[in-house]
């Protein structure tokens, strides 16, 4: 088998094409992994936000028991309404 310039160029083109395909596959896989990580992070943030909301609601209810009405009652109603709407989605 005789190796000339055309054979070398063909081999280089083939290697370049294979490299481009593998690079594209790796980029797609990396993007997929990043999306999964973001989904996990969002789930953790939602759980934390839920706990914080319950804490704020408990504080507001404590204030209401101490006789602080007005905007406290309004805030409690809004939080409870929001929580009920989210629970039934």
PDB file of N, CA and C in Angstrom:
ATOM      1  N   UNK A   1       0.850  -1.171   0.000  1.00  0.00           N
ATOM      2  CA  UNK A   1       0.000   0.000   0.000  1.00  0.00           C
ATOM      3  C   UNK A   1       0.897   1.235   0.000  1.00  0.00           C
ATOM      4  N   UNK A   2       0.581   2.122  -0.886  1.00  0.00           N
ATOM      5  CA  UNK A   2       1.372   3.329  -1.050  1.00  0.00           C
ATOM      6  C   UNK A   2       0.649   4.487  -0.356  1.00  0.00           C
ATOM      7  N   UNK A   3       1.338   5.208   0.510  1.00  0.00           N
ATOM      8  CA  UNK A   3       0.764   6.336   1.238  1.00  0.00           C
ATOM      9  C   UNK A   3       1.205   7.613   0.540  1.00  0.00           C
ATOM     10  N   UNK A   4       0.222   8.320   0.027  1.00  0.00           N
ATOM     11  CA  UNK A   4       0.533   9.593  -0.607  1.00  0.00           C
ATOM     12  C   UNK A   4      -0.205  10.717   0.119  1.00  0.00           C
ATOM     13  N   UNK A   5      -0.129  11.898  -0.385  1.00  0.00           N
ATOM     14  CA  UNK A   5      -0.726  13.065   0.263  1.00  0.00           C
ATOM     15  C   UNK A   5      -2.248  12.938   0.339  1.00  0.00           C
ATOM     16  N   UNK A   6      -2.840  12.363  -0.684  1.00  0.00           N
ATOM     17  CA  UNK A   6      -4.301  12.216  -0.701  1.00  0.00           C
ATOM     18  C   UNK A   6      -4.767  11.268   0.405  1.00  0.00           C
ATOM     19  N   UNK A   7      -4.041  10.209   0.642  1.00  0.00           N
ATOM     20  CA  UNK A   7      -4.379   9.262   1.703  1.00  0.00           C
ATOM     21  C   UNK A   7      -4.262   9.927   3.073  1.00  0.00           C
ATOM     22  N   UNK A   8      -3.221  10.701   3.246  1.00  0.00           N
ATOM     23  CA  UNK A   8      -3.022  11.402   4.520  1.00  0.00           C
ATOM     24  C   UNK A   8      -4.137  12.418   4.745  1.00  0.00           C
ATOM     25  N   UNK A   9      -4.513  13.147   3.706  1.00  0.00           N
ATOM     26  CA  UNK A   9      -5.600  14.125   3.833  1.00  0.00           C
ATOM     27  C   UNK A   9      -6.935  13.440   4.127  1.00  0.00           C
ATOM     28  N   UNK A  10      -7.171  12.303   3.509  1.00  0.00           N
ATOM     29  CA  UNK A  10      -8.412  11.560   3.770  1.00  0.00           C
ATOM     30  C   UNK A  10      -8.454  11.066   5.210  1.00  0.00           C
ATOM     31  N   UNK A  11      -7.333  10.562   5.693  1.00  0.00           N
ATOM     32  CA  UNK A  11      -7.269  10.090   7.079  1.00  0.00           C
ATOM     33  C   UNK A  11      -7.466  11.253   8.053  1.00  0.00           C
ATOM     34  N   UNK A  12      -6.870  12.385   7.752  1.00  0.00           N
ATOM     35  CA  UNK A  12      -7.023  13.559   8.613  1.00  0.00           C
ATOM     36  C   UNK A  12      -8.467  14.042   8.619  1.00  0.00           C
ATOM     37  N   UNK A  13      -9.112  14.016   7.463  1.00  0.00           N
ATOM     38  CA  UNK A  13     -10.514  14.428   7.386  1.00  0.00           C
ATOM     39  C   UNK A  13     -11.395  13.472   8.186  1.00  0.00           C
ATOM     40  N   UNK A  14     -11.103  12.185   8.087  1.00  0.00           N
ATOM     41  CA  UNK A  14     -11.865  11.187   8.842  1.00  0.00           C
ATOM     42  C   UNK A  14     -11.676  11.389  10.344  1.00  0.00           C
ATOM     43  N   UNK A  15     -10.447  11.583  10.769  1.00  0.00           N
ATOM     44  CA  UNK A  15     -10.182  11.821  12.193  1.00  0.00           C
ATOM     45  C   UNK A  15     -10.855  13.109  12.673  1.00  0.00           C
ATOM     46  N   UNK A  16     -10.842  14.121  11.848  1.00  0.00           N
ATOM     47  CA  UNK A  16     -11.501  15.379  12.207  1.00  0.00           C
ATOM     48  C   UNK A  16     -13.004  15.202  12.356  1.00  0.00           C
ATOM     49  N   UNK A  17     -13.602  14.450  11.438  1.00  0.00           N
ATOM     50  CA  UNK A  17     -15.046  14.207  11.500  1.00  0.00           C
ATOM     51  C   UNK A  17     -15.405  13.390  12.737  1.00  0.00           C
ATOM     52  N   UNK A  18     -14.615  12.367  13.020  1.00  0.00           N
ATOM     53  CA  UNK A  18     -14.868  11.543  14.207  1.00  0.00           C
ATOM     54  C   UNK A  18     -14.706  12.392  15.471  1.00  0.00           C
ATOM     55  N   UNK A  19     -13.686  13.228  15.488  1.00  0.00           N
ATOM     56  CA  UNK A  19     -13.474  14.116  16.638  1.00  0.00           C
ATOM     57  C   UNK A  19     -14.630  15.083  16.826  1.00  0.00           C
ATOM     58  N   UNK A  20     -15.146  15.619  15.733  1.00  0.00           N
ATOM     59  CA  UNK A  20     -16.274  16.551  15.821  1.00  0.00           C
ATOM     60  C   UNK A  20     -17.525  15.841  16.341  1.00  0.00           C
ATOM     61  N   UNK A  21     -17.762  14.637  15.865  1.00  0.00           N
ATOM     62  CA  UNK A  21     -18.929  13.871  16.325  1.00  0.00           C
ATOM     63  C   UNK A  21     -18.798  13.547  17.812  1.00  0.00           C
ATOM     64  N   UNK A  22     -17.622  13.087  18.221  1.00  0.00           N
ATOM     65  CA  UNK A  22     -17.412  12.774  19.636  1.00  0.00           C
ATOM     66  C   UNK A  22     -17.519  14.029  20.504  1.00  0.00           C
ATOM     67  N   UNK A  23     -17.014  15.138  20.004  1.00  0.00           N
ATOM     68  CA  UNK A  23     -17.129  16.400  20.740  1.00  0.00           C
ATOM     69  C   UNK A  23     -18.579  16.815  20.914  1.00  0.00           C
ATOM     70  N   UNK A  24     -19.369  16.641  19.866  1.00  0.00           N
ATOM     71  CA  UNK A  24     -20.793  16.966  19.952  1.00  0.00           C
ATOM     72  C   UNK A  24     -21.517  16.063  20.936  1.00  0.00           C
ATOM     73  N   UNK A  25     -21.191  14.784  20.908  1.00  0.00           N
ATOM     74  CA  UNK A  25     -21.809  13.850  21.856  1.00  0.00           C
ATOM     75  C   UNK A  25     -21.423  14.187  23.292  1.00  0.00           C
ATOM     76  N   UNK A  26     -20.166  14.529  23.497  1.00  0.00           N
ATOM     77  CA  UNK A  26     -19.719  14.892  24.839  1.00  0.00           C
ATOM     78  C   UNK A  26     -20.413  16.165  25.321  1.00  0.00           C
ATOM     79  N   UNK A  27     -20.567  17.129  24.426  1.00  0.00           N
ATOM     80  CA  UNK A  27     -21.249  18.373  24.794  1.00  0.00           C
ATOM     81  C   UNK A  27     -22.710  18.100  25.157  1.00  0.00           C
ATOM     82  N   UNK A  28     -23.373  17.234  24.399  1.00  0.00           N
ATOM     83  CA  UNK A  28     -24.765  16.894  24.696  1.00  0.00           C
ATOM     84  C   UNK A  28     -24.868  16.176  26.039  1.00  0.00           C
ATOM     85  N   UNK A  29     -23.943  15.270  26.298  1.00  0.00           N
ATOM     86  CA  UNK A  29     -23.950  14.547  27.572  1.00  0.00           C
ATOM     87  C   UNK A  29     -23.689  15.497  28.737  1.00  0.00           C
ATOM     88  N   UNK A  30     -22.766  16.418  28.571  1.00  0.00           N
ATOM     89  CA  UNK A  30     -22.474  17.403  29.622  1.00  0.00           C
ATOM     90  C   UNK A  30     -23.688  18.276  29.896  1.00  0.00           C
ATOM     91  N   UNK A  31     -24.381  18.685  28.846  1.00  0.00           N
ATOM     92  CA  UNK A  31     -25.585  19.496  29.005  1.00  0.00           C
ATOM     93  C   UNK A  31     -26.650  18.708  29.766  1.00  0.00           C
ATOM     94  N   UNK A  32     -26.813  17.437  29.426  1.00  0.00           N
ATOM     95  CA  UNK A  32     -27.790  16.579  30.096  1.00  0.00           C
ATOM     96  C   UNK A  32     -27.461  16.447  31.581  1.00  0.00           C
ATOM     97  N   UNK A  33     -26.200  16.246  31.904  1.00  0.00           N
ATOM     98  CA  UNK A  33     -25.779  16.138  33.302  1.00  0.00           C
ATOM     99  C   UNK A  33     -26.048  17.444  34.049  1.00  0.00           C
ATOM    100  N   UNK A  34     -25.785  18.564  33.397  1.00  0.00           N
ATOM    101  CA  UNK A  34     -26.002  19.866  34.018  1.00  0.00           C
ATOM    102  C   UNK A  34     -27.490  20.085  34.301  1.00  0.00           C
ATOM    103  N   UNK A  35     -28.342  19.652  33.373  1.00  0.00           N
ATOM    104  CA  UNK A  35     -29.785  19.790  33.579  1.00  0.00           C
ATOM    105  C   UNK A  35     -30.245  18.955  34.768  1.00  0.00           C
ATOM    106  N   UNK A  36     -29.735  17.753  34.893  1.00  0.00           N
ATOM    107  CA  UNK A  36     -30.093  16.906  36.035  1.00  0.00           C
ATOM    108  C   UNK A  36     -29.648  17.538  37.345  1.00  0.00           C
ATOM    109  N   UNK A  37     -28.467  18.114  37.359  1.00  0.00           N
ATOM    110  CA  UNK A  37     -27.963  18.778  38.568  1.00  0.00           C
ATOM    111  C   UNK A  37     -28.846  19.971  38.919  1.00  0.00           C
ATOM    112  N   UNK A  38     -29.255  20.731  37.909  1.00  0.00           N
ATOM    113  CA  UNK A  38     -30.128  21.875  38.161  1.00  0.00           C
ATOM    114  C   UNK A  38     -31.478  21.420  38.704  1.00  0.00           C
ATOM    115  N   UNK A  39     -31.999  20.325  38.187  1.00  0.00           N
ATOM    116  CA  UNK A  39     -33.270  19.800  38.687  1.00  0.00           C
ATOM    117  C   UNK A  39     -33.161  19.417  40.159  1.00  0.00           C
ATOM    118  N   UNK A  40     -32.049  18.791  40.527  1.00  0.00           N
ATOM    119  CA  UNK A  40     -31.837  18.425  41.930  1.00  0.00           C
ATOM    120  C   UNK A  40     -31.724  19.679  42.802  1.00  0.00           C
ATOM    121  N   UNK A  41     -31.007  20.676  42.311  1.00  0.00           N
ATOM    122  CA  UNK A  41     -30.851  21.920  43.068  1.00  0.00           C
ATOM    123  C   UNK A  41     -32.191  22.630  43.253  1.00  0.00           C
ATOM    124  N   UNK A  42     -32.994  22.652  42.211  1.00  0.00           N
ATOM    125  CA  UNK A  42     -34.309  23.299  42.292  1.00  0.00           C
ATOM    126  C   UNK A  42     -35.196  22.572  43.293  1.00  0.00           C
ATOM    127  N   UNK A  43     -35.146  21.255  43.280  1.00  0.00           N
ATOM    128  CA  UNK A  43     -35.947  20.481  44.231  1.00  0.00           C
ATOM    129  C   UNK A  43     -35.524  20.798  45.664  1.00  0.00           C
ATOM    130  N   UNK A  44     -34.223  20.880  45.903  1.00  0.00           N
ATOM    131  CA  UNK A  44     -33.725  21.202  47.246  1.00  0.00           C
ATOM    132  C   UNK A  44     -34.146  22.615  47.654  1.00  0.00           C
ATOM    133  N   UNK A  45     -34.100  23.554  46.721  1.00  0.00           N
ATOM    134  CA  UNK A  45     -34.509  24.927  47.024  1.00  0.00           C
ATOM    135  C   UNK A  45     -35.992  25.002  47.356  1.00  0.00           C
ATOM    136  N   UNK A  46     -36.801  24.236  46.632  1.00  0.00           N
ATOM    137  CA  UNK A  46     -38.238  24.234  46.910  1.00  0.00           C
ATOM    138  C   UNK A  46     -38.529  23.679  48.299  1.00  0.00           C
ATOM    139  N   UNK A  47     -37.817  22.630  48.681  1.00  0.00           N
ATOM    140  CA  UNK A  47     -38.001  22.066  50.021  1.00  0.00           C
ATOM    141  C   UNK A  47     -37.601  23.077  51.093  1.00  0.00           C
ATOM    142  N   UNK A  48     -36.488  23.762  50.858  1.00  0.00           N
ATOM    143  CA  UNK A  48     -36.037  24.771  51.813  1.00  0.00           C
ATOM    144  C   UNK A  48     -37.026  25.928  51.887  1.00  0.00           C
ATOM    145  N   UNK A  49     -37.541  26.346  50.737  1.00  0.00           N
ATOM    146  CA  UNK A  49     -38.512  27.437  50.705  1.00  0.00           C
ATOM    147  C   UNK A  49     -39.784  27.046  51.446  1.00  0.00           C
ATOM    148  N   UNK A  50     -40.171  25.796  51.335  1.00  0.00           N
ATOM    149  CA  UNK A  50     -41.355  25.312  52.043  1.00  0.00           C
ATOM    150  C   UNK A  50     -41.144  25.419  53.552  1.00  0.00           C
ATOM    151  N   UNK A  51     -39.983  24.987  54.016  1.00  0.00           N
ATOM    152  CA  UNK A  51     -39.692  25.078  55.451  1.00  0.00           C
ATOM    153  C   UNK A  51     -39.670  26.531  55.923  1.00  0.00           C
ATOM    154  N   UNK A  52     -39.077  27.396  55.130  1.00  0.00           N
ATOM    155  CA  UNK A  52     -39.034  28.812  55.501  1.00  0.00           C
ATOM    156  C   UNK A  52     -40.436  29.415  55.548  1.00  0.00           C
ATOM    157  N   UNK A  53     -41.279  29.009  54.614  1.00  0.00           N
ATOM    158  CA  UNK A  53     -42.652  29.518  54.590  1.00  0.00           C
ATOM    159  C   UNK A  53     -43.407  29.070  55.832  1.00  0.00           C
ATOM    160  N   UNK A  54     -43.232  27.807  56.210  1.00  0.00           N
ATOM    161  CA  UNK A  54     -43.879  27.327  57.436  1.00  0.00           C
ATOM    162  C   UNK A  54     -43.368  28.088  58.657  1.00  0.00           C
ATOM    163  N   UNK A  55     -42.090  28.395  58.673  1.00  0.00           N
ATOM    164  CA  UNK A  55     -41.532  29.162  59.784  1.00  0.00           C
ATOM    165  C   UNK A  55     -42.107  30.564  59.861  1.00  0.00           C
ATOM    166  N   UNK A  56     -42.208  31.220  58.717  1.00  0.00           N
ATOM    167  CA  UNK A  56     -42.784  32.571  58.679  1.00  0.00           C
ATOM    168  C   UNK A  56     -44.248  32.523  59.100  1.00  0.00           C
ATOM    169  N   UNK A  57     -44.954  31.513  58.627  1.00  0.00           N
ATOM    170  CA  UNK A  57     -46.364  31.376  58.995  1.00  0.00           C
ATOM    171  C   UNK A  57     -46.510  31.168  60.501  1.00  0.00           C
ATOM    172  N   UNK A  58     -45.638  30.366  61.079  1.00  0.00           N
ATOM    173  CA  UNK A  58     -45.685  30.145  62.530  1.00  0.00           C
ATOM    174  C   UNK A  58     -45.416  31.447  63.284  1.00  0.00           C
ATOM    175  N   UNK A  59     -44.463  32.217  62.808  1.00  0.00           N
ATOM    176  CA  UNK A  59     -44.167  33.508  63.452  1.00  0.00           C
ATOM    177  C   UNK A  59     -45.362  34.453  63.357  1.00  0.00           C
ATOM    178  N   UNK A  60     -45.972  34.487  62.188  1.00  0.00           N
ATOM    179  CA  UNK A  60     -47.132  35.362  62.019  1.00  0.00           C
ATOM    180  C   UNK A  60     -48.293  34.927  62.907  1.00  0.00           C
ATOM    181  N   UNK A  61     -48.487  33.625  63.024  1.00  0.00           N
ATOM    182  CA  UNK A  61     -49.564  33.145  63.897  1.00  0.00           C
ATOM    183  C   UNK A  61     -49.264  33.473  65.354  1.00  0.00           C
ATOM    184  N   UNK A  62     -47.990  33.418  65.718  1.00  0.00           N
ATOM    185  CA  UNK A  62     -47.609  33.817  67.073  1.00  0.00           C
ATOM    186  C   UNK A  62     -47.900  35.286  67.315  1.00  0.00           C
ATOM    187  N   UNK A  63     -47.608  36.118  66.331  1.00  0.00           N
ATOM    188  CA  UNK A  63     -47.920  37.544  66.463  1.00  0.00           C
ATOM    189  C   UNK A  63     -49.422  37.774  66.571  1.00  0.00           C
ATOM    190  N   UNK A  64     -50.177  37.001  65.810  1.00  0.00           N
ATOM    191  CA  UNK A  64     -51.634  37.160  65.854  1.00  0.00           C
ATOM    192  C   UNK A  64     -52.162  36.780  67.234  1.00  0.00           C
ATOM    193  N   UNK A  65     -51.605  35.725  67.817  1.00  0.00           N
ATOM    194  CA  UNK A  65     -52.027  35.321  69.160  1.00  0.00           C
ATOM    195  C   UNK A  65     -51.693  36.390  70.197  1.00  0.00           C
ATOM    196  N   UNK A  66     -50.677  37.180  69.920  1.00  0.00           N
ATOM    197  CA  UNK A  66     -50.296  38.250  70.840  1.00  0.00           C
ATOM    198  C   UNK A  66     -51.154  39.500  70.635  1.00  0.00           C
ATOM    199  N   UNK A  67     -52.078  39.426  69.683  1.00  0.00           N
ATOM    200  CA  UNK A  67     -52.988  40.540  69.481  1.00  0.00           C
ATOM    201  C   UNK A  67     -52.605  41.469  68.349  1.00  0.00           C
ATOM    202  N   UNK A  68     -51.596  41.128  67.580  1.00  0.00           N
ATOM    203  CA  UNK A  68     -51.190  41.967  66.451  1.00  0.00           C
ATOM    204  C   UNK A  68     -52.017  41.559  65.238  1.00  0.00           C
ATOM    205  N   UNK A  69     -53.052  42.281  64.962  1.00  0.00           N
ATOM    206  CA  UNK A  69     -53.925  41.938  63.843  1.00  0.00           C
ATOM    207  C   UNK A  69     -53.557  42.793  62.642  1.00  0.00           C
ATOM    208  N   UNK A  70     -54.500  43.117  61.841  1.00  0.00           N
ATOM    209  CA  UNK A  70     -54.255  43.979  60.689  1.00  0.00           C
ATOM    210  C   UNK A  70     -53.467  43.283  59.605  1.00  0.00           C
ATOM    211  N   UNK A  71     -52.280  43.793  59.339  1.00  0.00           N
ATOM    212  CA  UNK A  71     -51.480  43.247  58.242  1.00  0.00           C
ATOM    213  C   UNK A  71     -50.993  41.827  58.550  1.00  0.00           C
ATOM    214  N   UNK A  72     -50.899  41.469  59.826  1.00  0.00           N
ATOM    215  CA  UNK A  72     -50.495  40.108  60.191  1.00  0.00           C
ATOM    216  C   UNK A  72     -51.558  39.119  59.727  1.00  0.00           C
ATOM    217  N   UNK A  73     -52.806  39.430  59.995  1.00  0.00           N
ATOM    218  CA  UNK A  73     -53.905  38.559  59.572  1.00  0.00           C
ATOM    219  C   UNK A  73     -53.958  38.469  58.052  1.00  0.00           C
ATOM    220  N   UNK A  74     -53.745  39.585  57.410  1.00  0.00           N
ATOM    221  CA  UNK A  74     -53.753  39.612  55.943  1.00  0.00           C
ATOM    222  C   UNK A  74     -52.625  38.742  55.379  1.00  0.00           C
ATOM    223  N   UNK A  75     -51.450  38.841  55.965  1.00  0.00           N
ATOM    224  CA  UNK A  75     -50.312  38.042  55.507  1.00  0.00           C
ATOM    225  C   UNK A  75     -50.560  36.555  55.735  1.00  0.00           C
ATOM    226  N   UNK A  76     -51.133  36.214  56.880  1.00  0.00           N
ATOM    227  CA  UNK A  76     -51.453  34.808  57.161  1.00  0.00           C
ATOM    228  C   UNK A  76     -52.428  34.279  56.121  1.00  0.00           C
ATOM    229  N   UNK A  77     -53.453  35.050  55.836  1.00  0.00           N
ATOM    230  CA  UNK A  77     -54.445  34.622  54.849  1.00  0.00           C
ATOM    231  C   UNK A  77     -53.815  34.428  53.473  1.00  0.00           C
ATOM    232  N   UNK A  78     -52.944  35.343  53.076  1.00  0.00           N
ATOM    233  CA  UNK A  78     -52.301  35.236  51.761  1.00  0.00           C
ATOM    234  C   UNK A  78     -51.388  34.012  51.686  1.00  0.00           C
ATOM    235  N   UNK A  79     -50.622  33.779  52.741  1.00  0.00           N
ATOM    236  CA  UNK A  79     -49.720  32.622  52.740  1.00  0.00           C
ATOM    237  C   UNK A  79     -50.520  31.324  52.711  1.00  0.00           C
ATOM    238  N   UNK A  80     -51.564  31.242  53.528  1.00  0.00           N
ATOM    239  CA  UNK A  80     -52.373  30.019  53.547  1.00  0.00           C
ATOM    240  C   UNK A  80     -53.079  29.802  52.216  1.00  0.00           C
ATOM    241  N   UNK A  81     -53.561  30.874  51.604  1.00  0.00           N
ATOM    242  CA  UNK A  81     -54.208  30.755  50.296  1.00  0.00           C
ATOM    243  C   UNK A  81     -53.207  30.256  49.259  1.00  0.00           C
ATOM    244  N   UNK A  82     -52.019  30.833  49.278  1.00  0.00           N
ATOM    245  CA  UNK A  82     -50.978  30.414  48.328  1.00  0.00           C
ATOM    246  C   UNK A  82     -50.606  28.944  48.541  1.00  0.00           C
ATOM    247  N   UNK A  83     -50.454  28.548  49.791  1.00  0.00           N
ATOM    248  CA  UNK A  83     -50.085  27.162  50.080  1.00  0.00           C
ATOM    249  C   UNK A  83     -51.174  26.195  49.618  1.00  0.00           C
ATOM    250  N   UNK A  84     -52.428  26.564  49.814  1.00  0.00           N
ATOM    251  CA  UNK A  84     -53.527  25.708  49.358  1.00  0.00           C
ATOM    252  C   UNK A  84     -53.567  25.616  47.839  1.00  0.00           C
ATOM    253  N   UNK A  85     -53.333  26.727  47.167  1.00  0.00           N
ATOM    254  CA  UNK A  85     -53.331  26.709  45.703  1.00  0.00           C
ATOM    255  C   UNK A  85     -52.187  25.849  45.169  1.00  0.00           C
ATOM    256  N   UNK A  86     -51.027  25.957  45.777  1.00  0.00           N
ATOM    257  CA  UNK A  86     -49.879  25.164  45.330  1.00  0.00           C
ATOM    258  C   UNK A  86     -50.088  23.677  45.610  1.00  0.00           C
ATOM    259  N   UNK A  87     -50.763  23.373  46.699  1.00  0.00           N
ATOM    260  CA  UNK A  87     -50.987  21.970  47.052  1.00  0.00           C
ATOM    261  C   UNK A  87     -51.956  21.291  46.091  1.00  0.00           C
ATOM    262  N   UNK A  88     -52.814  22.061  45.459  1.00  0.00           N
ATOM    263  CA  UNK A  88     -53.833  21.475  44.586  1.00  0.00           C
ATOM    264  C   UNK A  88     -53.528  21.648  43.105  1.00  0.00           C
ATOM    265  N   UNK A  89     -52.300  21.933  42.777  1.00  0.00           N
ATOM    266  CA  UNK A  89     -51.916  22.052  41.356  1.00  0.00           C
ATOM    267  C   UNK A  89     -51.697  20.693  40.771  1.00  0.00           C
TER     268      UNK A  89
END
